Protein backbone atom coordinates (compact mmCIF):
# COMPACT_ATOMS: atom_id res chain seq x y z
CA MET A 1 -14.96 25.24 12.25
CA LEU A 2 -14.42 21.51 14.04
CA ARG A 3 -11.64 19.44 12.51
CA PRO A 4 -13.12 16.49 11.11
CA ALA A 5 -12.18 14.14 13.69
CA LEU A 6 -13.13 16.25 16.60
CA CYS A 7 -16.82 15.87 15.32
CA LEU A 8 -16.30 11.83 15.76
CA ALA A 9 -15.37 12.54 19.38
CA ILE A 10 -18.44 13.92 19.81
CA LEU A 11 -20.76 10.87 17.48
CA GLY A 12 -18.52 8.71 20.65
CA LEU A 13 -15.24 7.50 18.30
CA GLY A 14 -11.47 8.29 18.41
CA SER A 15 -12.46 9.14 21.91
CA SER A 16 -8.90 8.93 24.06
CA ALA A 17 -10.45 6.52 26.35
CA TRP A 18 -9.55 3.50 24.11
CA ALA A 19 -7.23 0.99 25.18
CA GLU A 20 -3.28 1.70 24.93
CA VAL A 21 -1.95 -0.01 21.32
CA LEU A 22 0.71 -2.44 22.07
CA PHE A 23 2.03 -5.41 20.09
CA ALA A 24 4.16 -8.68 20.56
CA PRO A 25 6.83 -9.94 18.46
CA VAL A 26 5.72 -13.51 16.27
CA SER A 27 8.49 -15.61 15.23
CA LEU A 28 8.56 -17.19 12.30
CA PRO A 29 9.54 -20.94 11.27
CA ILE A 30 12.89 -19.28 9.05
CA GLU A 31 15.10 -16.07 9.02
CA HIS A 32 14.24 -14.13 6.40
CA GLN A 33 15.77 -10.81 5.45
CA TYR A 34 16.09 -8.56 2.22
CA SER A 35 19.78 -8.91 0.95
CA GLY A 36 22.02 -7.75 -1.84
CA GLY A 37 23.81 -4.54 -3.13
CA TRP A 38 23.35 -1.89 -4.60
CA THR A 39 20.30 -3.03 -7.16
CA HIS A 40 19.02 -4.23 -3.10
CA PHE A 41 19.70 -0.46 -1.81
CA VAL A 42 15.55 0.12 -2.95
CA GLY A 43 12.91 -2.59 -2.50
CA GLY A 44 12.36 -5.55 0.26
CA GLY A 45 8.71 -5.53 -0.74
CA VAL A 46 5.87 -8.23 0.66
CA ALA A 47 2.64 -9.35 -0.59
CA VAL A 48 0.02 -9.83 1.51
CA PHE A 49 -2.82 -12.24 0.38
CA ASP A 50 -4.87 -15.82 0.57
CA CYS A 51 -3.35 -17.94 -1.95
CA ASP A 52 -4.95 -21.26 0.04
CA GLY A 53 -8.81 -19.88 0.22
CA ASP A 54 -9.10 -20.40 4.01
CA ALA A 55 -9.88 -16.56 4.73
CA GLN A 56 -6.25 -16.13 6.10
CA PRO A 57 -3.42 -14.13 4.35
CA ASP A 58 -0.51 -15.74 3.38
CA LEU A 59 2.93 -13.61 2.93
CA PHE A 60 5.10 -14.07 0.16
CA ALA A 61 8.45 -11.98 0.58
CA ALA A 62 10.95 -10.81 -1.88
CA GLY A 63 14.75 -11.61 -1.13
CA GLY A 64 16.60 -9.28 -3.05
CA SER A 65 20.23 -11.82 -4.07
CA ALA A 66 18.39 -14.31 -1.95
CA PRO A 67 15.88 -16.34 -3.43
CA ALA A 68 12.15 -14.53 -2.21
CA ILE A 69 9.82 -16.85 0.63
CA LEU A 70 6.28 -17.75 0.49
CA LEU A 71 4.90 -17.98 4.22
CA ARG A 72 1.24 -19.79 4.45
CA ASN A 73 -0.66 -18.73 7.66
CA THR A 74 -1.37 -21.18 9.95
CA SER A 75 -3.17 -18.75 12.99
CA ASP A 76 -5.39 -20.20 15.08
CA GLY A 77 -5.50 -17.90 17.28
CA PRO A 78 -1.94 -16.69 17.73
CA VAL A 79 -0.67 -15.94 14.57
CA SER A 80 1.53 -18.20 12.94
CA PHE A 81 3.09 -19.20 9.55
CA ALA A 82 4.72 -22.45 8.06
CA PRO A 83 7.46 -22.41 4.73
CA ALA A 84 5.46 -22.89 1.63
CA PRO A 85 7.29 -24.58 -1.25
CA PHE A 86 8.06 -21.99 -4.10
CA PRO A 87 10.16 -22.19 -6.92
CA GLU A 88 13.64 -20.32 -6.42
CA ILE A 89 13.24 -16.92 -7.65
CA LEU A 90 16.25 -14.81 -7.55
CA GLU A 91 17.03 -10.57 -7.42
CA THR A 92 13.44 -10.15 -6.32
CA THR A 93 12.61 -6.00 -5.37
CA GLY A 94 9.07 -6.86 -4.33
CA ALA A 95 5.73 -7.91 -5.27
CA TYR A 96 1.62 -7.13 -5.29
CA PRO A 97 -1.68 -10.06 -5.64
CA PHE A 98 -4.01 -8.91 -8.34
CA ASP A 99 -6.69 -11.50 -10.13
CA VAL A 100 -5.86 -10.77 -13.46
CA ASP A 101 -7.78 -13.67 -15.42
CA GLY A 102 -11.45 -12.71 -13.61
CA ASP A 103 -11.24 -16.70 -12.28
CA ASP A 104 -11.45 -15.17 -8.37
CA ILE A 105 -8.34 -17.22 -8.19
CA LEU A 106 -4.94 -14.34 -6.90
CA ASP A 107 -2.06 -14.26 -9.52
CA LEU A 108 0.90 -12.41 -8.62
CA VAL A 109 3.05 -10.07 -10.22
CA VAL A 110 7.21 -10.25 -9.01
CA LEU A 111 8.79 -7.31 -9.55
CA ARG A 112 12.93 -7.75 -9.72
CA SER A 113 16.30 -6.05 -10.98
CA GLY A 114 15.45 -7.84 -14.12
CA ALA A 115 12.82 -10.01 -16.03
CA ASN A 116 9.24 -9.14 -13.70
CA ARG A 117 7.78 -12.43 -13.47
CA LEU A 118 3.91 -12.79 -13.24
CA LEU A 119 2.38 -15.69 -11.87
CA ARG A 120 -0.55 -17.11 -12.54
CA GLY A 121 -2.15 -18.77 -9.53
CA THR A 122 -4.15 -22.08 -9.47
CA GLY A 123 -5.38 -22.64 -5.93
CA ALA A 124 -3.88 -24.35 -2.48
CA CYS A 125 -0.74 -21.71 -2.86
CA GLN A 126 0.51 -22.62 -6.05
CA PHE A 127 1.72 -20.80 -8.97
CA GLU A 128 2.91 -21.36 -12.72
CA ASP A 129 4.05 -19.27 -15.23
CA ALA A 130 1.66 -16.68 -17.02
CA PRO A 131 0.43 -18.48 -19.84
CA SER A 132 1.75 -17.84 -23.13
CA ASP A 133 -1.46 -16.76 -24.70
CA TRP A 134 -1.64 -13.56 -21.72
CA THR A 135 1.50 -12.07 -24.20
CA PHE A 136 2.88 -10.62 -20.81
CA ASP A 137 6.57 -8.78 -21.27
CA GLY A 138 6.89 -7.26 -17.99
CA GLY A 139 9.94 -5.73 -19.13
CA SER A 140 14.02 -6.26 -17.46
CA GLU A 141 14.66 -3.16 -16.34
CA TRP A 142 15.49 -2.21 -12.45
CA THR A 143 11.58 -2.34 -11.41
CA THR A 144 10.80 -0.78 -7.83
CA ALA A 145 7.48 -0.22 -8.37
CA PHE A 146 4.02 -0.79 -9.21
CA SER A 147 0.19 -0.33 -10.33
CA ALA A 148 -2.51 -1.75 -12.16
CA THR A 149 -6.11 -1.30 -12.71
CA PHE A 150 -9.16 -1.65 -15.38
CA GLU A 151 -10.00 0.85 -17.45
CA PRO A 152 -13.28 1.19 -18.53
CA GLY A 153 -14.88 -1.57 -21.21
CA GLN A 154 -11.82 -3.38 -20.48
CA ASP A 155 -12.11 -7.11 -19.07
CA TRP A 156 -8.06 -7.34 -18.65
CA PRO A 157 -6.02 -5.02 -16.72
CA THR A 158 -3.75 -2.08 -17.49
CA PHE A 159 -0.47 -2.69 -15.19
CA ALA A 160 2.01 0.70 -14.57
CA PHE A 161 5.51 -0.75 -13.94
CA GLY A 162 8.05 1.32 -12.28
CA ASN A 163 11.91 1.53 -12.69
CA TYR A 164 14.49 2.57 -10.90
CA VAL A 165 17.55 4.16 -12.35
CA ASP A 166 19.05 2.88 -15.90
CA GLN A 167 22.17 0.39 -14.96
CA THR A 168 23.03 0.56 -19.01
CA ASP A 169 23.93 4.41 -19.21
CA PRO A 170 27.12 4.17 -19.11
CA GLU A 171 26.80 8.28 -17.21
CA GLY A 172 25.24 6.65 -14.14
CA PRO A 173 24.28 6.47 -11.94
CA PHE A 174 22.88 9.92 -11.09
CA GLU A 175 20.91 11.88 -13.78
CA ALA A 176 20.37 8.13 -15.00
CA CYS A 177 16.51 7.38 -14.04
CA ASP A 178 14.65 5.12 -17.03
CA ARG A 179 11.44 5.13 -18.25
CA ASN A 180 8.62 3.69 -16.67
CA TYR A 181 6.17 1.23 -18.90
CA LEU A 182 2.17 0.60 -19.11
CA ILE A 183 0.75 -1.90 -20.42
CA ARG A 184 -2.82 -2.28 -21.85
CA PRO A 185 -4.67 -4.85 -22.68
CA GLU A 186 -5.46 -6.36 -25.85
CA GLY A 187 -8.55 -8.29 -25.80
CA ARG A 188 -7.95 -10.96 -23.37
CA ALA A 189 -4.49 -10.46 -23.64
CA PHE A 190 -1.46 -7.99 -22.64
CA GLY A 191 -0.72 -5.14 -25.37
CA PRO A 192 3.44 -4.03 -26.22
CA ARG A 193 4.71 -1.93 -23.51
CA ILE A 194 4.05 2.14 -24.22
CA PRO A 195 6.59 3.94 -22.32
CA LEU A 196 5.83 6.43 -19.66
CA GLU A 197 8.61 9.37 -20.85
CA PRO A 198 10.57 10.85 -18.80
CA GLY A 199 11.35 9.14 -16.24
CA PHE A 200 12.40 9.96 -12.77
CA CYS A 201 14.09 6.82 -10.93
CA ALA A 202 10.48 5.54 -9.76
CA LEU A 203 10.03 4.32 -6.26
CA SER A 204 5.72 4.19 -5.73
CA MET A 205 3.21 4.56 -7.90
CA LEU A 206 -0.75 3.98 -7.93
CA PHE A 207 -3.82 4.46 -9.88
CA SER A 208 -6.64 6.04 -7.94
CA ASP A 209 -9.80 7.74 -8.63
CA TRP A 210 -7.87 10.73 -6.62
CA LYS A 211 -10.31 13.90 -8.35
CA ASN A 212 -13.40 11.60 -7.70
CA THR A 213 -14.19 11.66 -11.19
CA GLY A 214 -14.95 7.75 -11.79
CA THR A 215 -11.48 7.81 -14.03
CA PRO A 216 -7.81 6.91 -12.35
CA ASP A 217 -5.20 8.31 -13.07
CA LEU A 218 -1.55 8.01 -12.05
CA ARG A 219 1.03 8.83 -9.33
CA ILE A 220 4.37 8.18 -9.15
CA SER A 221 6.75 8.94 -6.65
CA ASN A 222 10.32 9.91 -7.48
CA ASP A 223 13.91 9.69 -5.68
CA ARG A 224 15.14 12.93 -6.22
CA GLN A 225 18.88 11.16 -4.86
CA TYR A 226 19.33 9.89 -8.66
CA TYR A 227 16.88 12.09 -10.88
CA VAL A 228 18.86 15.06 -8.65
CA ARG A 229 17.60 18.42 -10.77
CA ASP A 230 15.82 18.16 -13.59
CA GLY A 231 12.91 15.31 -11.83
CA ARG A 232 9.83 15.82 -9.70
CA GLU A 233 6.76 14.13 -8.81
CA GLN A 234 4.77 12.91 -11.11
CA MET A 235 0.81 12.48 -12.24
CA TRP A 236 -0.60 10.77 -15.47
CA SER A 237 -3.94 11.05 -17.13
CA LEU A 238 -4.60 7.71 -19.21
CA ASP A 239 -7.23 9.48 -20.71
CA PRO A 240 -5.38 11.04 -22.87
CA LEU A 241 -2.43 9.24 -22.24
CA LYS A 242 -0.36 12.27 -20.96
CA GLU A 243 1.66 14.22 -18.18
CA TYR A 244 -0.20 16.97 -15.88
CA THR A 245 2.02 19.79 -15.76
CA GLU A 246 1.45 23.52 -13.85
CA ALA A 247 -0.93 24.12 -16.86
CA ASP A 248 -3.03 21.38 -15.74
CA GLY A 249 -3.07 22.87 -12.30
CA TRP A 250 -0.55 20.38 -11.11
CA PRO A 251 2.31 22.27 -9.08
CA THR A 252 5.45 21.13 -9.63
CA MET A 253 7.06 18.76 -6.37
CA LYS A 254 10.52 17.76 -5.64
CA LEU A 255 11.49 15.48 -2.39
CA TRP A 256 13.16 11.75 -2.01
CA GLY A 257 10.08 10.33 -2.94
CA MET A 258 10.08 6.29 -1.82
CA GLY A 259 6.79 5.37 -0.61
CA ILE A 260 2.64 6.49 -1.31
CA ALA A 261 -0.22 6.17 1.41
CA SER A 262 -4.07 6.89 0.12
CA ARG A 263 -6.84 6.99 2.78
CA ASP A 264 -9.61 9.62 3.10
CA ILE A 265 -8.76 10.87 7.08
CA THR A 266 -10.81 14.24 6.88
CA GLY A 267 -14.33 12.67 5.74
CA ASP A 268 -15.57 13.96 2.38
CA GLY A 269 -15.34 11.37 0.22
CA LEU A 270 -11.63 12.61 -1.51
CA PRO A 271 -8.51 10.13 -0.62
CA GLU A 272 -5.32 12.12 0.91
CA VAL A 273 -2.00 11.21 0.37
CA VAL A 274 1.22 10.83 2.16
CA LEU A 275 4.73 10.62 0.64
CA THR A 276 7.82 9.25 2.40
CA SER A 277 11.04 10.67 1.75
CA MET A 278 13.90 11.59 3.51
CA GLY A 279 14.00 14.10 6.32
CA ASP A 280 9.45 14.47 5.82
CA GLN A 281 7.01 11.92 5.74
CA PRO A 282 4.39 14.89 3.85
CA LEU A 283 0.20 14.47 4.14
CA LEU A 284 -1.33 16.45 1.63
CA PHE A 285 -4.89 17.48 2.41
CA ASN A 286 -7.32 16.30 -0.98
CA ARG A 287 -9.35 19.41 -1.54
CA GLY A 288 -11.12 18.31 -4.35
CA ASN A 289 -11.06 20.13 -8.04
CA GLY A 290 -7.19 18.20 -8.25
CA ARG A 291 -6.06 20.26 -5.27
CA MET A 292 -4.02 18.89 -2.89
CA GLU A 293 -2.86 21.20 0.23
CA PRO A 294 0.02 20.49 2.55
CA ALA A 295 -0.96 19.87 6.11
CA PRO A 296 0.70 21.67 8.94
CA TYR A 297 3.80 20.68 10.31
CA ASP A 298 2.38 20.15 13.49
CA LEU A 299 -0.54 17.89 13.10
CA GLY A 300 2.33 15.24 13.88
CA THR A 301 2.85 12.41 10.51
CA TYR A 302 6.97 14.80 9.17
CA ALA A 303 8.50 11.84 11.66
CA THR A 304 11.32 14.08 10.29
CA THR A 305 14.28 12.21 12.65
CA PRO A 306 13.76 9.53 15.31
CA TYR A 307 12.36 9.93 17.90
CA VAL A 308 14.44 7.78 20.66
CA GLY A 309 18.15 7.73 20.53
CA ASP A 310 20.47 10.77 20.15
CA ASP A 311 20.65 10.43 16.55
CA GLY A 312 19.46 14.06 15.34
CA ARG A 313 20.12 13.86 11.73
CA PRO A 314 16.49 13.35 9.27
CA SER A 315 14.77 9.77 8.93
CA THR A 316 14.32 7.67 6.24
CA GLY A 317 10.64 6.55 5.40
CA TRP A 318 9.92 3.66 3.20
CA HIS A 319 7.05 2.34 2.93
CA ALA A 320 3.71 3.97 4.69
CA GLN A 321 0.05 2.47 5.10
CA PHE A 322 -2.83 4.38 6.91
CA GLY A 323 -4.67 1.49 9.00
CA ASP A 324 -7.08 2.32 12.39
CA VAL A 325 -4.65 -0.33 14.69
CA ASN A 326 -6.85 0.22 17.78
CA ASN A 327 -10.29 0.59 15.75
CA ASP A 328 -11.29 3.56 17.48
CA GLY A 329 -12.83 4.23 14.32
CA LEU A 330 -9.84 6.91 13.04
CA ASP A 331 -7.42 5.71 10.89
CA ASP A 332 -3.34 6.15 12.08
CA LEU A 333 -0.13 6.09 10.07
CA PHE A 334 2.51 3.11 9.49
CA ILE A 335 6.10 3.96 7.71
CA ALA A 336 8.53 1.98 7.87
CA LYS A 337 11.85 3.41 8.45
CA GLY A 338 16.22 2.55 8.07
CA ASN A 339 18.80 4.32 6.56
CA VAL A 340 19.25 3.00 2.67
CA ASP A 341 22.23 1.63 4.01
CA GLN A 342 25.12 3.44 4.94
CA MET A 343 24.29 6.91 3.80
CA PRO A 344 26.21 9.30 6.56
CA SER A 345 23.62 12.31 5.97
CA ASN A 346 21.02 10.06 7.46
CA ALA A 347 20.32 8.35 10.81
CA MET A 348 21.90 4.92 11.45
CA ALA A 349 19.22 4.37 13.93
CA ASP A 350 16.27 5.01 12.39
CA PRO A 351 12.39 3.01 14.13
CA ASN A 352 9.82 2.50 12.83
CA ASN A 353 6.87 5.17 13.48
CA LEU A 354 3.73 4.10 14.60
CA LEU A 355 1.84 7.53 14.06
CA ILE A 356 -2.40 7.26 16.32
CA GLN A 357 -4.87 9.50 15.08
CA GLN A 358 -6.06 11.33 18.12
CA PRO A 359 -10.07 12.72 18.53
CA ASP A 360 -8.44 16.37 17.47
CA GLY A 361 -6.99 15.10 14.35
CA GLN A 362 -3.53 14.98 15.75
CA PHE A 363 -1.70 11.97 14.88
CA VAL A 364 1.04 10.57 18.04
CA GLU A 365 3.96 8.63 18.04
CA GLN A 366 3.50 5.06 19.82
CA GLY A 367 5.98 2.98 17.63
CA ALA A 368 8.07 2.66 21.15
CA VAL A 369 5.12 2.31 23.65
CA ALA A 370 3.95 0.08 20.94
CA GLY A 371 6.81 -1.94 20.64
CA ILE A 372 7.24 -2.04 16.70
CA GLY A 373 10.04 1.26 17.18
CA SER A 374 13.04 -1.34 15.06
CA VAL A 375 15.86 0.17 13.90
CA HIS A 376 16.31 -2.11 11.43
CA ARG A 377 16.66 -0.92 7.55
CA ALA A 378 12.97 -1.76 6.87
CA ARG A 379 11.86 -1.44 3.77
CA GLY A 380 8.20 -3.23 2.72
CA ALA A 381 5.71 -3.18 4.85
CA ALA A 382 1.70 -4.21 5.44
CA LEU A 383 -0.51 -3.75 8.06
CA ALA A 384 -3.70 -6.54 7.97
CA ASP A 385 -4.81 -8.89 10.39
CA LEU A 386 -3.17 -11.69 9.68
CA ASN A 387 -5.47 -13.96 12.31
CA GLY A 388 -9.19 -12.96 12.37
CA ASP A 389 -9.30 -11.63 15.15
CA GLY A 390 -10.09 -7.86 13.93
CA LEU A 391 -7.09 -6.27 15.08
CA LEU A 392 -4.19 -4.90 12.27
CA ASP A 393 -1.34 -7.07 12.56
CA LEU A 394 1.99 -5.88 11.06
CA VAL A 395 4.62 -7.37 8.94
CA VAL A 396 7.83 -5.44 7.85
CA VAL A 397 10.55 -6.78 6.14
CA ASN A 398 14.16 -5.32 6.42
CA ARG A 399 17.22 -5.10 4.32
CA ARG A 400 19.94 -7.25 5.86
CA ALA A 401 18.44 -8.33 9.30
CA PRO A 402 15.19 -11.00 9.77
CA MET A 403 11.76 -9.91 8.53
CA GLU A 404 9.72 -8.66 11.08
CA VAL A 405 6.11 -9.66 12.33
CA TRP A 406 4.53 -8.31 15.09
CA GLN A 407 0.74 -9.46 16.34
CA ASN A 408 -1.53 -6.40 17.80
CA THR A 409 -2.19 -7.32 20.95
CA THR A 410 -3.84 -4.27 21.75
CA ALA A 411 -6.47 -4.75 24.49
CA GLU A 412 -10.38 -3.33 25.01
CA ALA A 413 -9.97 -2.36 21.10
CA GLY A 414 -13.32 -0.29 19.35
CA HIS A 415 -15.53 -2.61 16.94
CA TRP A 416 -14.85 -3.20 13.50
CA VAL A 417 -15.89 -4.52 10.79
CA GLY A 418 -14.70 -6.53 7.35
CA ILE A 419 -15.53 -5.50 3.51
CA ASP A 420 -14.68 -8.12 1.01
CA VAL A 421 -16.31 -6.63 -2.46
CA ARG A 422 -16.38 -9.13 -4.95
CA GLN A 423 -18.06 -9.11 -8.67
CA PRO A 424 -19.23 -11.42 -11.25
CA GLY A 425 -16.80 -10.92 -15.05
CA ALA A 426 -13.06 -9.82 -15.51
CA ASN A 427 -12.72 -7.57 -12.14
CA SER A 428 -12.62 -10.05 -9.60
CA ARG A 429 -12.07 -7.66 -6.69
CA ALA A 430 -13.75 -5.05 -7.90
CA ILE A 431 -10.41 -2.71 -8.04
CA GLY A 432 -11.44 0.86 -8.57
CA ALA A 433 -14.58 0.27 -6.56
CA LYS A 434 -15.51 2.44 -3.50
CA ILE A 435 -17.22 1.21 0.31
CA ALA A 436 -19.17 3.71 1.57
CA LEU A 437 -19.23 2.42 5.62
CA ARG A 438 -22.56 5.14 7.47
CA LEU A 439 -22.21 5.12 10.66
CA PRO A 440 -24.47 7.26 13.63
CA GLU A 441 -25.50 10.77 13.15
CA ASP A 442 -25.27 10.19 9.67
CA ARG A 443 -21.06 9.97 8.80
CA VAL A 444 -19.64 8.07 6.52
CA LEU A 445 -16.43 6.44 6.30
CA THR A 446 -14.81 5.86 2.55
CA ARG A 447 -12.22 3.48 1.17
CA GLU A 448 -11.32 3.43 -2.91
CA ILE A 449 -10.20 -0.51 -3.74
CA THR A 450 -6.51 -0.27 -5.24
CA SER A 451 -3.29 -2.19 -6.31
CA GLY A 452 -0.34 -0.31 -5.68
CA GLY A 453 0.94 2.27 -3.65
CA GLY A 454 3.51 1.47 -0.73
CA HIS A 455 6.91 0.48 -1.23
CA ALA A 456 7.34 -2.59 -3.76
CA SER A 457 4.49 -4.23 -1.41
CA GLY A 458 1.08 -4.73 -1.87
CA ALA A 459 -1.89 -6.45 -0.27
CA ALA A 460 -5.87 -7.75 -1.40
CA GLY A 461 -7.92 -9.01 1.21
CA PRO A 462 -11.00 -6.97 3.06
CA GLU A 463 -11.14 -3.78 3.77
CA HIS A 464 -10.66 -3.32 7.52
CA PHE A 465 -13.05 -0.48 9.20
CA GLY A 466 -12.62 0.50 12.86
CA LEU A 467 -15.83 1.74 14.49
CA GLY A 468 -15.18 2.53 18.15
CA SER A 469 -18.24 1.99 20.08
CA VAL A 470 -20.31 1.71 16.84
CA GLU A 471 -22.58 -1.85 16.42
CA GLN A 472 -25.03 -0.64 13.52
CA VAL A 473 -23.73 0.38 10.46
CA LEU A 474 -25.15 0.49 6.91
CA VAL A 475 -22.75 -0.25 3.62
CA ARG A 476 -23.17 0.70 -0.23
CA VAL A 477 -20.90 0.14 -3.10
CA THR A 478 -20.25 2.15 -6.15
CA TRP A 479 -18.77 -0.40 -8.26
CA PRO A 480 -16.30 0.31 -11.00
CA ASP A 481 -18.58 1.40 -13.56
CA GLY A 482 -20.00 3.63 -11.53
CA ALA A 483 -23.50 2.09 -10.62
CA VAL A 484 -24.35 1.82 -6.52
CA SER A 485 -25.79 -0.56 -5.07
CA ASP A 486 -28.46 0.23 -1.63
CA TRP A 487 -27.43 0.34 1.48
CA GLN A 488 -27.47 -2.64 3.45
CA PRO A 489 -26.83 -3.25 7.62
CA VAL A 490 -23.73 -5.62 8.17
CA GLY A 491 -22.82 -7.51 11.48
CA VAL A 492 -19.81 -5.83 12.91
CA ASP A 493 -16.53 -7.42 14.32
CA ARG A 494 -17.00 -9.97 10.88
CA VAL A 495 -16.04 -9.83 7.59
CA THR A 496 -18.77 -9.85 5.72
CA ARG A 497 -17.87 -10.35 1.83
CA ILE A 498 -20.93 -7.85 -0.80
CA GLU A 499 -21.39 -9.89 -3.93
CA ARG A 500 -22.54 -7.74 -6.45
CA LYS A 501 -25.87 -8.68 -7.91
CA GLU A 502 -26.87 -8.53 -11.51
CA ASP A 503 -28.80 -5.17 -11.80
CA ASN A 504 -26.38 -3.26 -10.20
């Protein structure tokens, strides 16, 4: 049987004829780095979102012990940014954009070592603290993970906060992982925090309908460095609220979990998952009915050691994200790499990975060739089209080194579409919706709209699909409540907004 990706080559997608992937560094108006001591060994996220309504994504970058920054997108052809005024917030670890109150202006959840902040967007890249009637209590732990969803029948979101080591535990730091918290709605406000115990030093979490049942679960990836022996990767059911166990068919898995990337790369409508770690980055194939299966090692995604230099010690993976960087119709994989600080067991010169998917389903390392193989201590990151040219650019926040931005300059890339999904009411950005893109020969690309995952880094914006040589596509949206739109044509090489009609 042909691999799904190999079938794409037969259909004219994923051909090896596409040009070599290339990126060029972008000069930023200010130097920004994620700095600080032990509480900022982890974190270092970036939020990518349009905060001024000009359809160009702006950047909020965590600063650790230094102030966080906001950069306004000024791209007119080449990628460019300008500093934007922003209140001084210290001890930030990451951030995620999310429209909390349904006004279609993105708000910002700021993770901190200390009290987490929820900033209400008021337009024109202006923010204020969440109104008191939102009754938001994000806790004051060392927060390093976040995800959000809308539960059925609710017009206010559910938030999950993942916390790292409990700094108040006198027996710590090892085996002193803090608990995580769920915050569910009470009307159009947040209810009290609900502990998710036990916690095992979360570094990434993601609400996702990974079983395709219409109901999301919460995946939490945990750092074995500090839970040491008795922890594990976790999956939580929301209804009823419980952690899945082996009795539920959820096998015990332990790793130095740091980031989560989720995307259907096999074409069956079920999302695969990559979990970053120290040593390898396992890809898990989704086989349906709640079963995940490790990909073969020779698929090329494990990225265990640096691909340049003579440092053969294990790599350390942080943010991971799928994205089609050459628009050939096959999703590629970026992994931010970098030593925790001076950990002697792991590689010090640890370049970022850019794994380009081939027509036969293999992934081939192109980080050095593409020009993004920086050996700074990378942390949070994002693949996003920063200048509207249809090519995914790259942002990486580094620990104790300047933040880096690269513009994708790949020549002769394939066609693409951007799908911007909106609906009236509370969940304006249709979190939980599924986009299906039908190509010739009835091939379908699927995408779930989520908020969370990565490593302390989130994005909100159009969903980008590479198409190869395809010039005619249809799109259908399964809305968060299960209603399904009709198939409709969309033009290629542009962003199309799909707005929900009252009858679906």
